[in-house]
Amino acid sequence: MLDLTGKNALVTGIANNKSIAWGIAQQLHAAGANIGVTYLPDDKGRFEKKVGKLVEPLNPTLFLPCNVQDDEQVDQVFEAVKQDWGKLDILIHCLAFAHREDLTGEFSDTSRAGFQTALDISSYSLTRLARGAKEVMTDGGAIVTMTYLGGVKVIPNYNVMGVAKSALEMSVRYLAADLGPSNIRVNGISAGPIRTLASSAVGGILDMIHHVEATAPLRRTVTQTEVGNTAAFLCSDLSSGITGQIIYVDSGYEIMGM
């Protein structure tokens, strides 16, 4: 039976109730994990209020600002984990961003600044957070990140995010090799397209969803709960021999040729 009782889980990337990170956080909580949540700080405190209200039912024992482009904030998050929890068992990385203009049209038009931003937030942030997590995962642990098929195959308008996801998936493998001796497992979930705040920036996202619904073996796309269940499995002792893997949760779409 999947049981995360006594495990401390830090979840990043919750923006609203449609976020995949929200689905994951709910399933970790349902399995008994102690939840901590980070949010993206802004000048008006909008995300703090919105995310804080949303996660109240999870009774998070940590609720912290974290802009992953700010090393000082990242360090403060893991210092808080150390001080308040003593150790970390689970890290959920659900962070991705690219400028809207870089998610339509031709990939060759991607700006240098846009490329750097997408790779920094969507890929490097996993490495940066894993480095911090390693210091507080004193009893081993599990790190799970979110990726998408656009990291291995060309998806219209996904553009620079596809390159970022490709880098993210290779980072999963290198981090798994680095952290394995510390009994820290690192895996990724490649989810089918879901209507989220992040996916709404991708040109033609609804067409992508309808195509998956018509083509995937299960003739539908997936839900936040299904992704959350897989994440909970990957964070549990039931998956103790799995690391460095990308698990597809996409109703089987990835296997189809046409």
Protein backbone atom coordinates (compact mmCIF):
# COMPACT_ATOMS: atom_id res chain seq x y z
CA MET A 1 0.00 0.00 0.00
CA LEU A 2 1.28 3.45 -0.88
CA ASP A 3 2.05 5.21 2.40
CA LEU A 4 4.00 8.46 2.78
CA THR A 5 3.25 8.95 6.47
CA GLY A 6 6.15 10.70 8.17
CA LYS A 7 7.64 11.95 4.90
CA ASN A 8 8.36 15.65 4.38
CA ALA A 9 7.45 16.78 0.86
CA LEU A 10 8.31 20.17 -0.64
CA VAL A 11 6.18 21.09 -3.66
CA THR A 12 7.11 23.87 -6.09
CA GLY A 13 5.10 25.29 -8.97
CA ILE A 14 1.54 25.58 -7.65
CA ALA A 15 -0.07 28.57 -9.37
CA ASN A 16 -3.79 27.72 -9.21
CA ASN A 17 -6.18 24.78 -8.92
CA LYS A 18 -5.41 23.66 -12.48
CA SER A 19 -1.67 23.30 -11.85
CA ILE A 20 -0.22 19.82 -12.16
CA ALA A 21 1.72 20.64 -8.99
CA TRP A 22 -1.60 21.08 -7.20
CA GLY A 23 -2.72 17.62 -8.29
CA ILE A 24 0.55 16.15 -7.06
CA ALA A 25 0.39 17.98 -3.72
CA GLN A 26 -3.12 16.64 -3.11
CA GLN A 27 -2.08 13.04 -3.73
CA LEU A 28 1.02 13.33 -1.56
CA HIS A 29 -1.15 14.72 1.23
CA ALA A 30 -3.71 11.96 0.76
CA ALA A 31 -0.89 9.42 1.15
CA GLY A 32 0.05 10.95 4.50
CA ALA A 33 2.97 13.23 3.61
CA ASN A 34 3.72 16.42 5.52
CA ILE A 35 3.47 19.17 2.90
CA GLY A 36 5.55 22.27 2.31
CA VAL A 37 4.79 24.68 -0.53
CA THR A 38 6.78 27.37 -2.30
CA TYR A 39 5.27 30.18 -4.32
CA LEU A 40 6.62 32.77 -6.74
CA PRO A 41 6.85 36.09 -4.90
CA ASP A 42 5.65 39.28 -6.58
CA ASP A 43 5.49 42.92 -5.51
CA LYS A 44 1.77 42.87 -4.76
CA GLY A 45 1.74 39.50 -3.00
CA ARG A 46 -0.89 38.11 -5.36
CA PHE A 47 0.61 34.63 -5.66
CA GLU A 48 1.19 34.41 -1.91
CA LYS A 49 -2.48 35.11 -1.22
CA LYS A 50 -3.87 32.99 -4.05
CA VAL A 51 -1.68 29.95 -3.49
CA GLY A 52 -1.92 30.27 0.29
CA LYS A 53 -5.73 30.15 0.16
CA LEU A 54 -5.69 27.19 -2.25
CA VAL A 55 -3.38 24.99 -0.20
CA GLU A 56 -5.06 25.58 3.17
CA PRO A 57 -6.78 22.14 3.07
CA LEU A 58 -3.35 20.50 2.88
CA ASN A 59 -2.28 22.14 6.15
CA PRO A 60 1.22 22.95 4.86
CA THR A 61 3.77 23.30 7.64
CA LEU A 62 6.06 25.34 5.40
CA PHE A 63 4.89 28.08 3.02
CA LEU A 64 7.82 29.92 1.50
CA PRO A 65 8.66 32.35 -1.31
CA CYS A 66 11.03 30.97 -3.92
CA ASN A 67 12.11 32.60 -7.13
CA VAL A 68 14.46 29.98 -8.57
CA GLN A 69 16.43 32.68 -10.37
CA ASP A 70 17.43 34.06 -6.97
CA ASP A 71 20.07 31.85 -5.32
CA GLU A 72 19.61 33.57 -1.97
CA GLN A 73 15.92 32.68 -1.89
CA VAL A 74 16.67 29.08 -2.84
CA ASP A 75 19.18 28.85 0.00
CA GLN A 76 16.63 30.33 2.41
CA VAL A 77 14.09 27.67 1.45
CA PHE A 78 16.40 24.80 2.32
CA GLU A 79 17.59 26.53 5.48
CA ALA A 80 13.94 26.74 6.55
CA VAL A 81 13.51 23.04 5.75
CA LYS A 82 16.52 22.24 7.90
CA GLN A 83 15.39 24.42 10.79
CA ASP A 84 11.69 23.50 10.80
CA TRP A 85 11.67 19.91 9.54
CA GLY A 86 15.19 18.68 10.16
CA LYS A 87 15.21 16.75 6.89
CA LEU A 88 13.56 16.53 3.48
CA ASP A 89 12.27 13.32 1.88
CA ILE A 90 10.51 14.50 -1.29
CA LEU A 91 11.05 17.37 -3.72
CA ILE A 92 8.53 18.07 -6.47
CA HIS A 93 9.80 20.29 -9.31
CA CYS A 94 6.95 21.68 -11.44
CA LEU A 95 8.60 24.82 -12.78
CA ALA A 96 8.66 25.97 -16.40
CA PHE A 97 8.50 29.31 -18.17
CA ALA A 98 9.10 30.77 -21.60
CA HIS A 99 8.04 34.09 -23.02
CA ARG A 100 4.74 33.84 -24.89
CA GLU A 101 6.31 35.17 -28.09
CA ASP A 102 8.75 32.25 -28.05
CA LEU A 103 5.90 29.71 -27.96
CA THR A 104 4.42 30.54 -31.36
CA GLY A 105 5.79 30.78 -34.87
CA GLU A 106 9.21 29.53 -35.89
CA PHE A 107 11.78 28.19 -33.44
CA SER A 108 14.58 29.94 -35.34
CA ASP A 109 13.10 33.29 -34.28
CA THR A 110 13.78 32.57 -30.59
CA SER A 111 15.66 35.46 -29.01
CA ARG A 112 18.88 34.93 -27.08
CA ALA A 113 17.25 36.33 -23.94
CA GLY A 114 14.19 34.14 -24.42
CA PHE A 115 16.34 31.04 -24.83
CA GLN A 116 18.33 31.82 -21.70
CA THR A 117 15.19 32.49 -19.65
CA ALA A 118 13.48 29.25 -20.71
CA LEU A 119 16.55 27.11 -20.01
CA ASP A 120 17.25 28.81 -16.68
CA ILE A 121 13.77 28.51 -15.18
CA SER A 122 12.61 25.31 -16.87
CA SER A 123 15.78 23.23 -16.71
CA TYR A 124 18.61 24.63 -14.59
CA SER A 125 16.23 25.19 -11.69
CA LEU A 126 16.01 21.43 -11.18
CA THR A 127 19.78 21.19 -10.78
CA ARG A 128 19.85 24.15 -8.42
CA LEU A 129 17.04 22.80 -6.25
CA ALA A 130 18.54 19.30 -6.25
CA ARG A 131 21.81 20.72 -4.94
CA GLY A 132 19.97 22.29 -2.04
CA ALA A 133 17.84 19.22 -1.44
CA LYS A 134 20.85 16.92 -1.26
CA GLU A 135 22.05 18.67 1.90
CA VAL A 136 18.78 18.04 3.75
CA MET A 137 17.88 14.62 2.31
CA THR A 138 19.94 13.01 5.03
CA ASP A 139 17.96 9.74 4.92
CA GLY A 140 17.79 9.58 1.14
CA GLY A 141 14.84 10.84 -0.82
CA ALA A 142 12.97 11.24 -4.07
CA ILE A 143 12.98 14.10 -6.57
CA VAL A 144 10.32 14.24 -9.28
CA THR A 145 10.09 16.74 -12.12
CA MET A 146 7.57 17.34 -14.90
CA THR A 147 8.39 17.12 -18.60
CA TYR A 148 6.54 16.71 -21.90
CA LEU A 149 6.81 14.86 -25.20
CA GLY A 150 8.01 18.09 -26.83
CA GLY A 151 11.39 17.42 -25.24
CA VAL A 152 12.02 14.44 -27.53
CA LYS A 153 9.81 15.12 -30.57
CA VAL A 154 8.87 18.27 -32.45
CA ILE A 155 5.55 19.70 -31.29
CA PRO A 156 4.18 22.74 -33.17
CA ASN A 157 4.74 26.00 -31.26
CA TYR A 158 6.42 24.28 -28.30
CA ASN A 159 9.70 25.61 -29.67
CA VAL A 160 12.21 26.72 -27.03
CA MET A 161 10.30 24.90 -24.31
CA GLY A 162 10.99 21.67 -26.13
CA VAL A 163 14.71 22.38 -25.96
CA ALA A 164 14.36 23.24 -22.27
CA LYS A 165 12.49 19.99 -21.58
CA SER A 166 15.15 18.02 -23.46
CA ALA A 167 17.78 19.57 -21.20
CA LEU A 168 15.58 18.83 -18.19
CA GLU A 169 15.28 15.15 -19.10
CA MET A 170 19.04 14.79 -19.50
CA SER A 171 19.46 16.59 -16.18
CA VAL A 172 17.28 13.90 -14.58
CA ARG A 173 19.76 11.26 -15.73
CA TYR A 174 22.89 13.12 -14.63
CA LEU A 175 21.35 14.01 -11.28
CA ALA A 176 20.26 10.42 -10.75
CA ALA A 177 23.86 9.32 -11.27
CA ASP A 178 25.19 12.06 -8.97
CA LEU A 179 22.74 11.58 -6.14
CA GLY A 180 22.25 7.81 -6.29
CA PRO A 181 25.09 7.08 -3.84
CA SER A 182 23.19 9.23 -1.31
CA ASN A 183 20.08 7.08 -1.89
CA ILE A 184 18.33 9.98 -3.62
CA ARG A 185 16.27 8.98 -6.62
CA VAL A 186 15.50 11.41 -9.47
CA ASN A 187 12.76 10.78 -12.02
CA GLY A 188 10.56 12.69 -14.43
CA ILE A 189 6.93 12.38 -15.48
CA SER A 190 6.06 13.17 -19.08
CA ALA A 191 2.39 14.05 -18.87
CA GLY A 192 -0.08 14.41 -21.69
CA PRO A 193 -1.33 17.95 -22.39
CA ILE A 194 -3.48 19.34 -19.60
CA ARG A 195 -5.20 22.71 -19.50
CA THR A 196 -2.99 24.69 -17.11
CA LEU A 197 -1.82 28.29 -16.76
CA ALA A 198 1.54 27.32 -18.25
CA SER A 199 0.13 25.34 -21.19
CA SER A 200 -2.23 28.17 -22.11
CA ALA A 201 0.79 30.13 -23.34
CA VAL A 202 1.53 27.50 -26.01
CA GLY A 203 -0.02 28.38 -29.35
CA GLY A 204 -2.67 25.86 -30.41
CA ILE A 205 -2.81 24.04 -27.06
CA LEU A 206 -6.49 23.15 -27.47
CA ASP A 207 -5.77 21.60 -30.88
CA MET A 208 -3.02 19.54 -29.23
CA ILE A 209 -5.41 18.31 -26.54
CA HIS A 210 -8.10 17.39 -29.06
CA HIS A 211 -5.53 15.53 -31.18
CA VAL A 212 -4.43 13.46 -28.18
CA GLU A 213 -8.05 12.70 -27.32
CA ALA A 214 -8.61 11.40 -30.85
CA THR A 215 -5.31 9.51 -31.20
CA ALA A 216 -4.15 8.14 -27.84
CA PRO A 217 -4.97 4.48 -27.14
CA LEU A 218 -7.23 5.49 -24.25
CA ARG A 219 -8.92 8.13 -26.47
CA ARG A 220 -8.49 10.84 -23.86
CA THR A 221 -5.85 12.94 -22.24
CA VAL A 222 -4.94 12.62 -18.56
CA THR A 223 -5.97 14.32 -15.33
CA GLN A 224 -4.03 16.06 -12.60
CA THR A 225 -5.00 13.22 -10.26
CA GLU A 226 -3.48 10.58 -12.55
CA VAL A 227 -0.23 12.51 -12.73
CA GLY A 228 -0.37 13.04 -8.97
CA ASN A 229 -0.83 9.33 -8.36
CA THR A 230 2.24 8.53 -10.45
CA ALA A 231 4.27 11.17 -8.60
CA ALA A 232 3.19 9.72 -5.25
CA PHE A 233 4.28 6.26 -6.44
CA LEU A 234 7.67 7.60 -7.53
CA CYS A 235 8.10 9.20 -4.11
CA SER A 236 7.21 6.04 -2.21
CA ASP A 237 9.12 2.92 -1.25
CA LEU A 238 7.11 1.06 -3.90
CA SER A 239 9.45 2.60 -6.51
CA SER A 240 12.66 2.16 -4.52
CA GLY A 241 14.50 0.64 -7.49
CA ILE A 242 13.52 3.32 -10.03
CA THR A 243 15.76 6.30 -10.79
CA GLY A 244 16.87 8.29 -13.80
CA GLN A 245 13.65 7.47 -15.67
CA ILE A 246 11.04 9.41 -17.62
CA ILE A 247 7.61 7.88 -17.00
CA TYR A 248 4.94 8.66 -19.60
CA VAL A 249 1.50 9.43 -18.19
CA ASP A 250 -0.24 10.38 -21.41
CA SER A 251 -2.96 7.79 -22.11
CA GLY A 252 -0.42 5.99 -24.30
CA TYR A 253 -0.06 8.77 -26.86
CA GLU A 254 3.75 8.47 -26.91
CA ILE A 255 3.63 5.01 -28.49
CA MET A 256 1.60 6.08 -31.53
CA GLY A 257 3.16 6.70 -34.93
CA MET A 258 0.06 8.25 -36.51
